C-alpha atoms as a PDB file:
ATOM      1  CA  MET A   1     -14.700  -4.599  -2.533  1.00  0.00           C
ATOM      2  CA  PRO A   2     -13.685  -1.173  -3.831  1.00  0.00           C
ATOM      3  CA  GLU A   3     -12.443  -0.172  -7.375  1.00  0.00           C
ATOM      4  CA  GLY A   4      -9.033   0.233  -7.447  1.00  0.00           C
ATOM      5  CA  HIS A   5      -8.127   3.291 -10.285  1.00  0.00           C
ATOM      6  CA  PRO A   6      -4.463   4.204 -11.561  1.00  0.00           C
ATOM      7  CA  LEU A   7      -3.044   7.452 -10.285  1.00  0.00           C
ATOM      8  CA  LYS A   8      -0.653   9.761 -10.432  1.00  0.00           C
ATOM      9  CA  TYR A   9       2.577   8.838  -8.762  1.00  0.00           C
ATOM     10  CA  ARG A  10       2.314  12.401  -7.055  1.00  0.00           C
ATOM     11  CA  GLU A  11      -1.251  11.404  -6.400  1.00  0.00           C
ATOM     12  CA  LEU A  12      -0.526   8.326  -4.775  1.00  0.00           C
ATOM     13  CA  VAL A  13       2.077   9.149  -1.984  1.00  0.00           C
ATOM     14  CA  GLU A  14       0.240  11.946  -1.132  1.00  0.00           C
ATOM     15  CA  VAL A  15      -3.188   9.260  -0.466  1.00  0.00           C
ATOM     16  CA  LEU A  16      -0.175   6.859   1.103  1.00  0.00           C
ATOM     17  CA  ASN A  17       0.954  10.024   3.229  1.00  0.00           C
ATOM     18  CA  ALA A  18      -1.738   9.344   5.450  1.00  0.00           C
ATOM     19  CA  PHE A  19      -1.543   6.399   6.124  1.00  0.00           C
ATOM     20  CA  GLY A  20       2.365   7.153   7.127  1.00  0.00           C
ATOM     21  CA  VAL A  21       4.545   5.990   3.844  1.00  0.00           C
ATOM     22  CA  VAL A  22       7.046   7.971   3.147  1.00  0.00           C
ATOM     23  CA  GLU A  23       9.532   8.241   0.355  1.00  0.00           C
ATOM     24  CA  SER A  24      12.806   8.224  -0.198  1.00  0.00           C
ATOM     25  CA  ARG A  25      15.184   8.807  -3.695  1.00  0.00           C
ATOM     26  CA  THR A  26      17.059   6.308  -4.268  1.00  0.00           C
ATOM     27  CA  GLY A  27      19.614   8.485  -6.014  1.00  0.00           C
ATOM     28  CA  ARG A  28      19.016   6.315  -8.695  1.00  0.00           C
ATOM     29  CA  GLY A  29      17.122   7.875 -12.153  1.00  0.00           C
ATOM     30  CA  SER A  30      14.120   7.630 -11.304  1.00  0.00           C
ATOM     31  CA  ARG A  31      14.139   4.786  -8.624  1.00  0.00           C
ATOM     32  CA  ARG A  32      12.288   5.835  -5.785  1.00  0.00           C
ATOM     33  CA  MET A  33      11.639   3.340  -2.563  1.00  0.00           C
ATOM     34  CA  LEU A  34       8.273   3.521  -0.429  1.00  0.00           C
ATOM     35  CA  TYR A  35       8.688   2.958   3.874  1.00  0.00           C
ATOM     36  CA  LYS A  36       6.898   2.737   6.405  1.00  0.00           C
ATOM     37  CA  ALA A  37       7.967   2.134   9.875  1.00  0.00           C
ATOM     38  CA  ASP A  38       5.473  -0.772  11.378  1.00  0.00           C
ATOM     39  CA  VAL A  39       4.258  -1.553  15.687  1.00  0.00           C
ATOM     40  CA  GLU A  40       7.889  -3.218  16.182  1.00  0.00           C
ATOM     41  CA  GLY A  41       9.977  -0.553  14.933  1.00  0.00           C
ATOM     42  CA  LEU A  42      11.604  -2.434  11.927  1.00  0.00           C
ATOM     43  CA  LYS A  43      10.867  -0.834   8.373  1.00  0.00           C
ATOM     44  CA  GLN A  44       8.313  -2.159   5.299  1.00  0.00           C
ATOM     45  CA  SER A  45      10.385  -1.214   1.977  1.00  0.00           C
ATOM     46  CA  TYR A  46       8.745  -1.385  -1.484  1.00  0.00           C
ATOM     47  CA  PRO A  47      10.632  -0.479  -4.807  1.00  0.00           C
ATOM     48  CA  ILE A  48       8.605   1.788  -6.902  1.00  0.00           C
ATOM     49  CA  HIS A  49      10.155   3.562 -10.729  1.00  0.00           C
ATOM     50  CA  PRO A  50       8.182   5.860 -12.404  1.00  0.00           C
ATOM     51  CA  HIS A  51       9.436   8.014 -14.596  1.00  0.00           C
ATOM     52  CA  SER A  52       8.110  11.395 -13.184  1.00  0.00           C
ATOM     53  CA  GLU A  53       6.285  12.938 -11.067  1.00  0.00           C
ATOM     54  CA  HIS A  54       3.263  12.395 -13.521  1.00  0.00           C
ATOM     55  CA  ALA A  55       3.502   9.075 -14.225  1.00  0.00           C
ATOM     56  CA  GLU A  56       0.520   7.251 -14.372  1.00  0.00           C
ATOM     57  CA  ILE A  57       0.204   3.408 -11.279  1.00  0.00           C
ATOM     58  CA  HIS A  58      -1.449   0.606 -12.147  1.00  0.00           C
ATOM     59  CA  THR A  59      -4.031  -0.873 -10.556  1.00  0.00           C
ATOM     60  CA  HIS A  60      -1.922  -3.566  -9.461  1.00  0.00           C
ATOM     61  CA  ILE A  61       0.508  -2.146  -7.640  1.00  0.00           C
ATOM     62  CA  ILE A  62      -1.010   0.005  -6.011  1.00  0.00           C
ATOM     63  CA  ARG A  63      -2.214  -2.799  -4.643  1.00  0.00           C
ATOM     64  CA  ALA A  64       0.635  -4.500  -4.103  1.00  0.00           C
ATOM     65  CA  VAL A  65       1.609  -1.544  -2.234  1.00  0.00           C
ATOM     66  CA  LEU A  66      -1.493  -1.882   0.628  1.00  0.00           C
ATOM     67  CA  ARG A  67      -0.916  -5.678   0.248  1.00  0.00           C
ATOM     68  CA  ARG A  68       2.887  -4.587   1.226  1.00  0.00           C
ATOM     69  CA  PHE A  69       2.036  -2.326   4.133  1.00  0.00           C
ATOM     70  CA  LYS A  70      -1.052  -3.598   5.210  1.00  0.00           C
ATOM     71  CA  ILE A  71      -3.130  -1.048   4.165  1.00  0.00           C
ATOM     72  CA  PRO A  72      -6.810  -1.803   3.857  1.00  0.00           C
ATOM     73  CA  GLU A  73      -7.977  -0.497   0.479  1.00  0.00           C
ATOM     74  CA  GLU A  74     -11.051   0.450   1.588  1.00  0.00           C
ATOM     75  CA  SER A  75     -10.034   2.668   3.503  1.00  0.00           C
ATOM     76  CA  PHE A  76      -6.756   3.703   0.341  1.00  0.00           C
ATOM     77  CA  TRP A  77      -9.686   3.975  -2.555  1.00  0.00           C
ATOM     78  CA  ASN A  78     -12.086   6.202  -0.008  1.00  0.00           C
ATOM     79  CA  ARG A  79      -9.005   9.109   0.410  1.00  0.00           C
ATOM     80  CA  CYS A  80      -8.626   9.113  -3.379  1.00  0.00           C
END
């Protein structure tokens, strides 16, 4: 399994965009929602709370996002 490393929030969102994941602000502080439509057209979502665009997101959170959206870790880390 590839080794991961922390990413800045903005970098994370840019890589996730390549896999069809989009970001939405929920309107309350720094809360954000990440969304991806699955094959049946249903939306999968994951809440994330960065304090800024440059906040560092740790690998355990990144791996949780990848599991939720069924993104292979190897493919994700190869794009970073």
